[in-house]
């Protein structure tokens, strides 16, 4: 049961990390243009 409790936190962390990377690359992309 412990592993199941950890899964949502890890998924949220991955989603937040992906969102940060996407926004970071998007801002850099538009700054280049």
N, C-alpha and C. Protein backbone atom coordinates (compact mmCIF):
# COMPACT_ATOMS: atom_id res chain seq x y z
N UNK A 1 0.83 -1.21 0.00
CA UNK A 1 0.00 0.00 0.00
C UNK A 1 0.87 1.27 0.00
N UNK A 2 2.05 1.18 0.56
CA UNK A 2 2.92 2.36 0.61
C UNK A 2 3.29 2.86 -0.77
N UNK A 3 3.57 1.92 -1.67
CA UNK A 3 3.96 2.31 -3.03
C UNK A 3 2.82 3.02 -3.74
N UNK A 4 1.58 2.56 -3.50
CA UNK A 4 0.42 3.18 -4.15
C UNK A 4 0.27 4.63 -3.67
N UNK A 5 0.56 4.86 -2.40
CA UNK A 5 0.45 6.22 -1.86
C UNK A 5 1.51 7.14 -2.46
N UNK A 6 2.66 6.59 -2.81
CA UNK A 6 3.74 7.41 -3.36
C UNK A 6 3.51 7.74 -4.83
N UNK A 7 2.76 6.91 -5.53
CA UNK A 7 2.59 7.11 -6.97
C UNK A 7 2.01 8.47 -7.34
N UNK A 8 0.89 8.90 -6.76
CA UNK A 8 0.32 10.20 -7.16
C UNK A 8 1.30 11.34 -6.97
N UNK A 9 2.08 11.32 -5.88
CA UNK A 9 3.05 12.39 -5.66
C UNK A 9 4.10 12.40 -6.76
N UNK A 10 4.58 11.21 -7.13
CA UNK A 10 5.59 11.14 -8.19
C UNK A 10 5.00 11.61 -9.51
N UNK A 11 3.76 11.24 -9.81
CA UNK A 11 3.13 11.65 -11.06
C UNK A 11 2.97 13.17 -11.08
N UNK A 12 2.53 13.75 -9.97
CA UNK A 12 2.38 15.21 -9.90
C UNK A 12 3.72 15.89 -10.09
N UNK A 13 4.76 15.31 -9.49
CA UNK A 13 6.10 15.90 -9.61
C UNK A 13 6.56 15.87 -11.06
N UNK A 14 6.30 14.74 -11.74
CA UNK A 14 6.70 14.61 -13.14
C UNK A 14 5.92 15.60 -14.00
N UNK A 15 4.61 15.72 -13.75
CA UNK A 15 3.79 16.64 -14.53
C UNK A 15 4.25 18.08 -14.33
N UNK A 16 4.53 18.45 -13.09
CA UNK A 16 4.99 19.81 -12.80
C UNK A 16 6.33 20.06 -13.49
N UNK A 17 7.22 19.05 -13.44
CA UNK A 17 8.53 19.19 -14.07
C UNK A 17 8.39 19.37 -15.57
N UNK A 18 7.48 18.58 -16.18
CA UNK A 18 7.26 18.70 -17.63
C UNK A 18 6.70 20.06 -17.97
N UNK A 19 5.76 20.55 -17.16
CA UNK A 19 5.16 21.86 -17.41
C UNK A 19 6.22 22.96 -17.31
N UNK A 20 7.11 22.85 -16.32
CA UNK A 20 8.17 23.85 -16.17
C UNK A 20 9.10 23.83 -17.38
N UNK A 21 9.45 22.62 -17.84
CA UNK A 21 10.34 22.52 -18.99
C UNK A 21 9.67 23.09 -20.24
N UNK A 22 8.39 22.77 -20.44
CA UNK A 22 7.70 23.26 -21.63
C UNK A 22 7.61 24.78 -21.63
N UNK A 23 7.22 25.36 -20.50
CA UNK A 23 7.12 26.82 -20.43
C UNK A 23 8.50 27.46 -20.61
N UNK A 24 9.52 26.83 -20.06
CA UNK A 24 10.88 27.37 -20.18
C UNK A 24 11.32 27.38 -21.64
N UNK A 25 11.09 26.25 -22.34
CA UNK A 25 11.49 26.18 -23.75
C UNK A 25 10.64 27.11 -24.60
N UNK A 26 9.36 27.26 -24.27
CA UNK A 26 8.50 28.14 -25.05
C UNK A 26 8.95 29.59 -24.92
N UNK A 27 9.29 30.02 -23.71
CA UNK A 27 9.73 31.41 -23.53
C UNK A 27 11.05 31.64 -24.26
N UNK A 28 11.96 30.70 -24.18
CA UNK A 28 13.23 30.84 -24.90
C UNK A 28 12.98 30.85 -26.41
N UNK A 29 12.05 30.02 -26.87
CA UNK A 29 11.76 29.94 -28.30
C UNK A 29 11.22 31.27 -28.81
N UNK A 30 10.31 31.88 -28.06
CA UNK A 30 9.72 33.14 -28.50
C UNK A 30 10.71 34.29 -28.35
N UNK A 31 11.62 34.20 -27.40
CA UNK A 31 12.63 35.25 -27.24
C UNK A 31 13.58 35.25 -28.43
N UNK A 32 13.86 34.06 -28.97
CA UNK A 32 14.75 33.96 -30.13
C UNK A 32 14.09 34.62 -31.34
N UNK A 33 12.79 34.43 -31.48
CA UNK A 33 12.07 35.04 -32.61
C UNK A 33 11.93 36.54 -32.34
